[in-house]
Amino acid sequence: MNRHFKWALVTGASRGIGAAIARILSENSYNVLLLARNEALLREVSREIIVKGGHARWLGVDLTSEADLKKLREWARNSEIRFSLLVLNAGIAKVGKVLEMSMEDWRKVLEVNLLSPVALIKNLESFITSPGQLIFINSAAGKTAFAEWGAYCASKFALRAVADTLRAELAEKNIRVTSVYPSSVNTPMHDELSLPWDRSKMLKPEDVAKAVLAATEFSDNVNVNDITVENISGKF
């Protein structure tokens, strides 16, 4: 392990945006801890980073599980690692009209997209350095409501409020907070949604990763509050 490098934690790091963020951070003076549920994919991303000369570790965790969060907290304590950067990227999408979507799906979206990042930060607060930084991967749906995306939009609007509030509350600890708002990104999530969108016109995961890296490159006394990233073709 290169102890001169800072440590970054990335959630949802097994594929898509999270994996791209982990890769770009590892290429730019960060050791990375990768979190997700799929251990096989985490192992693969970690191996890619190590082969290219980076340093990565991973843990298979379900961020909605109190037991898994406890396991993560104990891992951080035992490893004596302190994180200068947390990237809160993990999320899910459920599509359907507000009054037609099941309450089970509503609760799942809110639990994963909104409550799990809050729970993660609460569990790791004592392991975040000062200065430090939190970066929330939000969405265009965190600023604009779209038909049949009510649950997702609600979770992202609320996540925006959480980030803005934490920015005010953590300033005295010299912890900066940034929200990144990408339009649609061509990730495996769209394999599951099967929407009739032209995915060739979407952002790439690497586009979002570059925005995250840019947010880390300012001085420790500079807050980059919001970064909006859109494909020139539009938001869709």
C-alpha atoms as a PDB file:
ATOM      1  CA  MET A   1       0.000   0.000   0.000  1.00  0.00           C
ATOM      2  CA  ASN A   2       1.254   3.463  -0.868  1.00  0.00           C
ATOM      3  CA  ARG A   3       0.800   5.351   2.387  1.00  0.00           C
ATOM      4  CA  HIS A   4       1.465   8.666   0.658  1.00  0.00           C
ATOM      5  CA  PHE A   5      -1.798   8.316  -1.206  1.00  0.00           C
ATOM      6  CA  LYS A   6      -5.153   9.368   0.202  1.00  0.00           C
ATOM      7  CA  TRP A   7      -7.914   6.844   0.730  1.00  0.00           C
ATOM      8  CA  ALA A   8     -11.218   7.101  -1.137  1.00  0.00           C
ATOM      9  CA  LEU A   9     -14.305   4.963  -0.589  1.00  0.00           C
ATOM     10  CA  VAL A  10     -16.669   4.397  -3.518  1.00  0.00           C
ATOM     11  CA  THR A  11     -20.097   2.773  -3.191  1.00  0.00           C
ATOM     12  CA  GLY A  12     -21.741   0.904  -6.041  1.00  0.00           C
ATOM     13  CA  ALA A  13     -18.224   0.294  -7.337  1.00  0.00           C
ATOM     14  CA  SER A  14     -18.728  -3.071  -9.010  1.00  0.00           C
ATOM     15  CA  ARG A  15     -19.831  -1.659 -12.378  1.00  0.00           C
ATOM     16  CA  GLY A  16     -20.945   1.418 -14.299  1.00  0.00           C
ATOM     17  CA  ILE A  17     -20.345   4.837 -12.792  1.00  0.00           C
ATOM     18  CA  GLY A  18     -18.913   3.530  -9.528  1.00  0.00           C
ATOM     19  CA  ALA A  19     -16.316   1.352 -11.244  1.00  0.00           C
ATOM     20  CA  ALA A  20     -15.310   4.244 -13.523  1.00  0.00           C
ATOM     21  CA  ILE A  21     -14.901   6.535 -10.502  1.00  0.00           C
ATOM     22  CA  ALA A  22     -12.780   3.964  -8.683  1.00  0.00           C
ATOM     23  CA  ARG A  23     -10.529   3.579 -11.724  1.00  0.00           C
ATOM     24  CA  ILE A  24      -9.962   7.297 -12.295  1.00  0.00           C
ATOM     25  CA  LEU A  25      -9.292   7.971  -8.604  1.00  0.00           C
ATOM     26  CA  SER A  26      -6.765   5.133  -8.475  1.00  0.00           C
ATOM     27  CA  GLU A  27      -4.958   6.756 -11.409  1.00  0.00           C
ATOM     28  CA  ASN A  28      -4.813  10.059  -9.546  1.00  0.00           C
ATOM     29  CA  SER A  29      -3.141   9.501  -6.187  1.00  0.00           C
ATOM     30  CA  TYR A  30      -5.912   7.658  -4.349  1.00  0.00           C
ATOM     31  CA  ASN A  31      -6.012   4.251  -2.751  1.00  0.00           C
ATOM     32  CA  VAL A  32      -9.573   3.022  -3.170  1.00  0.00           C
ATOM     33  CA  LEU A  33     -11.949   0.894  -1.132  1.00  0.00           C
ATOM     34  CA  LEU A  34     -14.680  -0.523  -3.356  1.00  0.00           C
ATOM     35  CA  LEU A  35     -18.104  -1.353  -1.925  1.00  0.00           C
ATOM     36  CA  ALA A  36     -21.007  -3.201  -3.550  1.00  0.00           C
ATOM     37  CA  ARG A  37     -23.004  -6.378  -3.140  1.00  0.00           C
ATOM     38  CA  ASN A  38     -21.539  -8.317  -6.082  1.00  0.00           C
ATOM     39  CA  GLU A  39     -18.239  -9.668  -4.807  1.00  0.00           C
ATOM     40  CA  ALA A  40     -17.218 -11.278  -8.098  1.00  0.00           C
ATOM     41  CA  LEU A  41     -17.467  -7.972  -9.963  1.00  0.00           C
ATOM     42  CA  LEU A  42     -15.742  -6.096  -7.136  1.00  0.00           C
ATOM     43  CA  ARG A  43     -12.864  -8.543  -7.301  1.00  0.00           C
ATOM     44  CA  GLU A  44     -12.613  -8.005 -11.068  1.00  0.00           C
ATOM     45  CA  VAL A  45     -12.560  -4.190 -10.837  1.00  0.00           C
ATOM     46  CA  SER A  46     -10.037  -4.350  -8.010  1.00  0.00           C
ATOM     47  CA  ARG A  47      -7.801  -6.632 -10.050  1.00  0.00           C
ATOM     48  CA  GLU A  48      -7.930  -4.228 -13.016  1.00  0.00           C
ATOM     49  CA  ILE A  49      -6.805  -1.363 -10.788  1.00  0.00           C
ATOM     50  CA  ILE A  50      -3.967  -3.341  -9.222  1.00  0.00           C
ATOM     51  CA  VAL A  51      -2.697  -4.577 -12.605  1.00  0.00           C
ATOM     52  CA  LYS A  52      -2.407  -0.940 -13.699  1.00  0.00           C
ATOM     53  CA  GLY A  53      -0.320  -0.095 -10.651  1.00  0.00           C
ATOM     54  CA  GLY A  54      -3.043   1.202  -8.341  1.00  0.00           C
ATOM     55  CA  HIS A  55      -4.009   0.050  -4.886  1.00  0.00           C
ATOM     56  CA  ALA A  56      -7.535  -1.229  -4.271  1.00  0.00           C
ATOM     57  CA  ARG A  57      -9.353  -3.167  -1.603  1.00  0.00           C
ATOM     58  CA  TRP A  58     -12.957  -4.264  -1.641  1.00  0.00           C
ATOM     59  CA  LEU A  59     -15.761  -5.386   0.631  1.00  0.00           C
ATOM     60  CA  GLY A  60     -19.013  -7.026  -0.355  1.00  0.00           C
ATOM     61  CA  VAL A  61     -21.670  -5.134   1.586  1.00  0.00           C
ATOM     62  CA  ASP A  62     -25.374  -4.397   1.368  1.00  0.00           C
ATOM     63  CA  LEU A  63     -25.616  -0.757   2.437  1.00  0.00           C
ATOM     64  CA  THR A  64     -29.204  -1.262   3.600  1.00  0.00           C
ATOM     65  CA  SER A  65     -28.049  -3.890   6.110  1.00  0.00           C
ATOM     66  CA  GLU A  66     -27.169  -2.722   9.623  1.00  0.00           C
ATOM     67  CA  ALA A  67     -25.073  -5.853  10.079  1.00  0.00           C
ATOM     68  CA  ASP A  68     -23.056  -5.114   6.934  1.00  0.00           C
ATOM     69  CA  LEU A  69     -22.543  -1.484   7.956  1.00  0.00           C
ATOM     70  CA  LYS A  70     -21.262  -2.701  11.318  1.00  0.00           C
ATOM     71  CA  LYS A  71     -18.891  -5.045   9.479  1.00  0.00           C
ATOM     72  CA  LEU A  72     -17.640  -2.096   7.427  1.00  0.00           C
ATOM     73  CA  ARG A  73     -17.131   0.052  10.527  1.00  0.00           C
ATOM     74  CA  GLU A  74     -15.167  -2.723  12.213  1.00  0.00           C
ATOM     75  CA  TRP A  75     -13.068  -3.175   9.081  1.00  0.00           C
ATOM     76  CA  ALA A  76     -12.214   0.538   9.073  1.00  0.00           C
ATOM     77  CA  ARG A  77     -11.329   0.428  12.761  1.00  0.00           C
ATOM     78  CA  ASN A  78      -9.124  -2.647  12.422  1.00  0.00           C
ATOM     79  CA  SER A  79      -7.370  -1.426   9.281  1.00  0.00           C
ATOM     80  CA  GLU A  80      -6.695   1.997  10.825  1.00  0.00           C
ATOM     81  CA  ILE A  81      -7.605   3.621   7.503  1.00  0.00           C
ATOM     82  CA  ARG A  82      -8.947   7.160   7.358  1.00  0.00           C
ATOM     83  CA  PHE A  83     -10.865   8.330   4.315  1.00  0.00           C
ATOM     84  CA  SER A  84     -10.271  11.727   2.786  1.00  0.00           C
ATOM     85  CA  LEU A  85     -13.033  11.102   0.224  1.00  0.00           C
ATOM     86  CA  LEU A  86     -16.368   9.281   0.251  1.00  0.00           C
ATOM     87  CA  VAL A  87     -18.190   8.934  -3.077  1.00  0.00           C
ATOM     88  CA  LEU A  88     -21.842   8.043  -2.488  1.00  0.00           C
ATOM     89  CA  ASN A  89     -22.800   6.496  -5.799  1.00  0.00           C
ATOM     90  CA  ALA A  90     -24.872   3.356  -5.131  1.00  0.00           C
ATOM     91  CA  GLY A  91     -28.471   3.601  -6.273  1.00  0.00           C
ATOM     92  CA  ILE A  92     -31.375   1.870  -7.971  1.00  0.00           C
ATOM     93  CA  ALA A  93     -34.246   2.938 -10.217  1.00  0.00           C
ATOM     94  CA  LYS A  94     -37.842   1.740 -10.322  1.00  0.00           C
ATOM     95  CA  VAL A  95     -40.079   3.124 -13.051  1.00  0.00           C
ATOM     96  CA  GLY A  96     -43.838   3.506 -12.751  1.00  0.00           C
ATOM     97  CA  LYS A  97     -46.604   6.001 -12.135  1.00  0.00           C
ATOM     98  CA  VAL A  98     -46.723   7.418  -8.617  1.00  0.00           C
ATOM     99  CA  LEU A  99     -50.087   5.884  -7.724  1.00  0.00           C
ATOM    100  CA  GLU A 100     -49.412   2.590  -9.469  1.00  0.00           C
ATOM    101  CA  MET A 101     -45.985   1.727  -8.067  1.00  0.00           C
ATOM    102  CA  SER A 102     -46.097  -0.636  -5.113  1.00  0.00           C
ATOM    103  CA  MET A 103     -45.251   0.730  -1.694  1.00  0.00           C
ATOM    104  CA  GLU A 104     -42.601  -1.977  -1.482  1.00  0.00           C
ATOM    105  CA  ASP A 105     -40.844  -0.487  -4.508  1.00  0.00           C
ATOM    106  CA  TRP A 106     -41.224   3.034  -3.094  1.00  0.00           C
ATOM    107  CA  ARG A 107     -39.582   1.975   0.156  1.00  0.00           C
ATOM    108  CA  LYS A 108     -36.771   0.133  -1.641  1.00  0.00           C
ATOM    109  CA  VAL A 109     -35.876   3.137  -3.796  1.00  0.00           C
ATOM    110  CA  LEU A 110     -35.884   5.504  -0.835  1.00  0.00           C
ATOM    111  CA  GLU A 111     -33.942   3.078   1.343  1.00  0.00           C
ATOM    112  CA  VAL A 112     -31.154   2.520  -1.206  1.00  0.00           C
ATOM    113  CA  ASN A 113     -30.904   5.985  -2.760  1.00  0.00           C
ATOM    114  CA  LEU A 114     -31.538   8.170   0.278  1.00  0.00           C
ATOM    115  CA  LEU A 115     -31.259   6.356   3.595  1.00  0.00           C
ATOM    116  CA  SER A 116     -28.277   4.097   2.874  1.00  0.00           C
ATOM    117  CA  PRO A 117     -25.843   6.952   2.097  1.00  0.00           C
ATOM    118  CA  VAL A 118     -26.913   8.698   5.300  1.00  0.00           C
ATOM    119  CA  ALA A 119     -26.403   5.480   7.261  1.00  0.00           C
ATOM    120  CA  LEU A 120     -22.995   4.943   5.676  1.00  0.00           C
ATOM    121  CA  ILE A 121     -21.779   8.430   6.585  1.00  0.00           C
ATOM    122  CA  LYS A 122     -23.103   8.063  10.150  1.00  0.00           C
ATOM    123  CA  ASN A 123     -21.181   4.809  10.556  1.00  0.00           C
ATOM    124  CA  LEU A 124     -17.937   6.165   9.089  1.00  0.00           C
ATOM    125  CA  GLU A 125     -17.981   9.753  10.345  1.00  0.00           C
ATOM    126  CA  SER A 126     -15.169   9.134  12.815  1.00  0.00           C
ATOM    127  CA  PHE A 127     -13.016   7.666  10.012  1.00  0.00           C
ATOM    128  CA  ILE A 128     -13.241  10.715   7.721  1.00  0.00           C
ATOM    129  CA  THR A 129     -10.216  12.984   7.731  1.00  0.00           C
ATOM    130  CA  SER A 130     -10.231  16.732   8.222  1.00  0.00           C
ATOM    131  CA  PRO A 131      -9.936  18.119   5.611  1.00  0.00           C
ATOM    132  CA  GLY A 132     -12.181  15.649   3.842  1.00  0.00           C
ATOM    133  CA  GLN A 133     -14.819  15.481   1.143  1.00  0.00           C
ATOM    134  CA  LEU A 134     -18.162  13.847   0.405  1.00  0.00           C
ATOM    135  CA  ILE A 135     -19.337  13.551  -3.195  1.00  0.00           C
ATOM    136  CA  PHE A 136     -22.919  12.509  -3.880  1.00  0.00           C
ATOM    137  CA  ILE A 137     -23.736  11.114  -7.312  1.00  0.00           C
ATOM    138  CA  ASN A 138     -27.180  12.555  -7.782  1.00  0.00           C
ATOM    139  CA  SER A 139     -29.033  12.866 -11.108  1.00  0.00           C
ATOM    140  CA  ALA A 140     -30.815  15.259 -13.424  1.00  0.00           C
ATOM    141  CA  ALA A 141     -33.828  13.707 -11.674  1.00  0.00           C
ATOM    142  CA  GLY A 142     -32.656  15.439  -8.506  1.00  0.00           C
ATOM    143  CA  LYS A 143     -33.544  18.783 -10.072  1.00  0.00           C
ATOM    144  CA  THR A 144     -36.325  17.975 -12.558  1.00  0.00           C
ATOM    145  CA  ALA A 145     -39.314  15.646 -12.120  1.00  0.00           C
ATOM    146  CA  PHE A 146     -40.090  13.195 -14.926  1.00  0.00           C
ATOM    147  CA  ALA A 147     -43.301  11.264 -15.500  1.00  0.00           C
ATOM    148  CA  GLU A 148     -43.148   7.662 -14.246  1.00  0.00           C
ATOM    149  CA  TRP A 149     -39.921   8.411 -12.329  1.00  0.00           C
ATOM    150  CA  GLY A 150     -41.655   9.730  -9.215  1.00  0.00           C
ATOM    151  CA  ALA A 151     -39.960   7.465  -6.658  1.00  0.00           C
ATOM    152  CA  TYR A 152     -36.528   7.954  -8.183  1.00  0.00           C
ATOM    153  CA  CYS A 153     -36.990  11.731  -8.435  1.00  0.00           C
ATOM    154  CA  ALA A 154     -38.244  11.912  -4.850  1.00  0.00           C
ATOM    155  CA  SER A 155     -35.176  10.042  -3.614  1.00  0.00           C
ATOM    156  CA  LYS A 156     -32.808  12.275  -5.573  1.00  0.00           C
ATOM    157  CA  PHE A 157     -34.523  15.549  -4.617  1.00  0.00           C
ATOM    158  CA  ALA A 158     -34.236  14.442  -0.991  1.00  0.00           C
ATOM    159  CA  LEU A 159     -30.602  13.407  -1.475  1.00  0.00           C
ATOM    160  CA  ARG A 160     -29.913  16.918  -2.729  1.00  0.00           C
ATOM    161  CA  ALA A 161     -31.365  18.302   0.498  1.00  0.00           C
ATOM    162  CA  VAL A 162     -29.210  15.942   2.557  1.00  0.00           C
ATOM    163  CA  ALA A 163     -26.059  17.011   0.728  1.00  0.00           C
ATOM    164  CA  ASP A 164     -26.881  20.717   1.049  1.00  0.00           C
ATOM    165  CA  THR A 165     -27.582  20.310   4.769  1.00  0.00           C
ATOM    166  CA  LEU A 166     -24.391  18.336   5.387  1.00  0.00           C
ATOM    167  CA  ARG A 167     -22.426  21.033   3.583  1.00  0.00           C
ATOM    168  CA  ALA A 168     -23.575  23.509   6.216  1.00  0.00           C
ATOM    169  CA  GLU A 169     -23.206  21.132   9.154  1.00  0.00           C
ATOM    170  CA  LEU A 170     -19.757  19.749   8.301  1.00  0.00           C
ATOM    171  CA  ALA A 171     -18.072  22.982   7.258  1.00  0.00           C
ATOM    172  CA  GLU A 172     -16.653  23.496  10.759  1.00  0.00           C
ATOM    173  CA  LYS A 173     -14.920  20.104  10.407  1.00  0.00           C
ATOM    174  CA  ASN A 174     -13.452  21.182   7.067  1.00  0.00           C
ATOM    175  CA  ILE A 175     -15.394  18.509   5.201  1.00  0.00           C
ATOM    176  CA  ARG A 176     -16.514  19.674   1.778  1.00  0.00           C
ATOM    177  CA  VAL A 177     -19.685  18.376   0.110  1.00  0.00           C
ATOM    178  CA  THR A 178     -20.342  18.176  -3.631  1.00  0.00           C
ATOM    179  CA  SER A 179     -23.332  16.875  -5.594  1.00  0.00           C
ATOM    180  CA  VAL A 180     -22.889  15.698  -9.183  1.00  0.00           C
ATOM    181  CA  TYR A 181     -25.983  15.799 -11.399  1.00  0.00           C
ATOM    182  CA  PRO A 182     -25.542  13.715 -14.565  1.00  0.00           C
ATOM    183  CA  SER A 183     -28.194  13.270 -17.210  1.00  0.00           C
ATOM    184  CA  SER A 184     -28.798   9.698 -18.410  1.00  0.00           C
ATOM    185  CA  VAL A 185     -25.680   7.549 -18.337  1.00  0.00           C
ATOM    186  CA  ASN A 186     -25.212   4.397 -20.386  1.00  0.00           C
ATOM    187  CA  THR A 187     -24.847   1.875 -17.576  1.00  0.00           C
ATOM    188  CA  PRO A 188     -26.122  -1.662 -16.882  1.00  0.00           C
ATOM    189  CA  MET A 189     -29.064  -0.088 -15.020  1.00  0.00           C
ATOM    190  CA  HIS A 190     -30.655   0.555 -18.404  1.00  0.00           C
ATOM    191  CA  ASP A 191     -30.386  -3.141 -19.272  1.00  0.00           C
ATOM    192  CA  GLU A 192     -32.805  -3.745 -16.426  1.00  0.00           C
ATOM    193  CA  LEU A 193     -35.171  -0.857 -17.246  1.00  0.00           C
ATOM    194  CA  SER A 194     -35.423  -1.699 -20.970  1.00  0.00           C
ATOM    195  CA  LEU A 195     -36.585   1.779 -21.977  1.00  0.00           C
ATOM    196  CA  PRO A 196     -36.688   2.741 -25.698  1.00  0.00           C
ATOM    197  CA  TRP A 197     -33.924   5.340 -25.430  1.00  0.00           C
ATOM    198  CA  ASP A 198     -30.985   5.869 -27.765  1.00  0.00           C
ATOM    199  CA  ARG A 199     -28.212   4.877 -25.423  1.00  0.00           C
ATOM    200  CA  SER A 200     -25.535   6.011 -27.862  1.00  0.00           C
ATOM    201  CA  LYS A 201     -26.526   9.599 -26.981  1.00  0.00           C
ATOM    202  CA  MET A 202     -26.186   9.082 -23.237  1.00  0.00           C
ATOM    203  CA  LEU A 203     -23.210  10.074 -21.122  1.00  0.00           C
ATOM    204  CA  LYS A 204     -20.540   7.463 -20.490  1.00  0.00           C
ATOM    205  CA  PRO A 205     -19.613   6.445 -16.926  1.00  0.00           C
ATOM    206  CA  GLU A 206     -16.187   7.963 -17.527  1.00  0.00           C
ATOM    207  CA  ASP A 207     -17.802  11.386 -18.096  1.00  0.00           C
ATOM    208  CA  VAL A 208     -19.220  11.330 -14.569  1.00  0.00           C
ATOM    209  CA  ALA A 209     -15.933  10.004 -13.189  1.00  0.00           C
ATOM    210  CA  LYS A 210     -14.092  12.994 -14.683  1.00  0.00           C
ATOM    211  CA  ALA A 211     -16.532  15.353 -12.941  1.00  0.00           C
ATOM    212  CA  VAL A 212     -15.832  13.622  -9.627  1.00  0.00           C
ATOM    213  CA  LEU A 213     -12.091  13.928 -10.132  1.00  0.00           C
ATOM    214  CA  ALA A 214     -12.458  17.616 -11.014  1.00  0.00           C
ATOM    215  CA  ALA A 215     -14.320  18.246  -7.758  1.00  0.00           C
ATOM    216  CA  THR A 216     -11.409  16.796  -5.774  1.00  0.00           C
ATOM    217  CA  GLU A 217      -8.793  19.032  -7.372  1.00  0.00           C
ATOM    218  CA  PHE A 218      -9.699  22.311  -5.701  1.00  0.00           C
ATOM    219  CA  SER A 219      -8.036  23.603  -2.550  1.00  0.00           C
ATOM    220  CA  ASP A 220      -9.308  22.249   0.756  1.00  0.00           C
ATOM    221  CA  ASN A 221     -11.015  25.562   1.536  1.00  0.00           C
ATOM    222  CA  VAL A 222     -13.042  25.576  -1.701  1.00  0.00           C
ATOM    223  CA  ASN A 223     -16.496  23.989  -1.860  1.00  0.00           C
ATOM    224  CA  VAL A 224     -17.667  22.949  -5.303  1.00  0.00           C
ATOM    225  CA  ASN A 225     -21.325  22.657  -4.413  1.00  0.00           C
ATOM    226  CA  ASP A 226     -22.876  21.306  -7.607  1.00  0.00           C
ATOM    227  CA  ILE A 227     -21.653  19.928 -10.924  1.00  0.00           C
ATOM    228  CA  THR A 228     -24.163  19.317 -13.720  1.00  0.00           C
ATOM    229  CA  VAL A 229     -23.078  17.011 -16.547  1.00  0.00           C
ATOM    230  CA  GLU A 230     -25.262  16.597 -19.638  1.00  0.00           C
ATOM    231  CA  ASN A 231     -24.874  15.110 -23.073  1.00  0.00           C
ATOM    232  CA  ILE A 232     -25.048  17.808 -25.718  1.00  0.00           C
ATOM    233  CA  SER A 233     -27.994  15.879 -27.219  1.00  0.00           C
ATOM    234  CA  GLY A 234     -30.120  16.500 -24.122  1.00  0.00           C
ATOM    235  CA  LYS A 235     -31.069  15.080 -20.737  1.00  0.00           C
ATOM    236  CA  PHE A 236     -33.273  12.070 -21.516  1.00  0.00           C
END
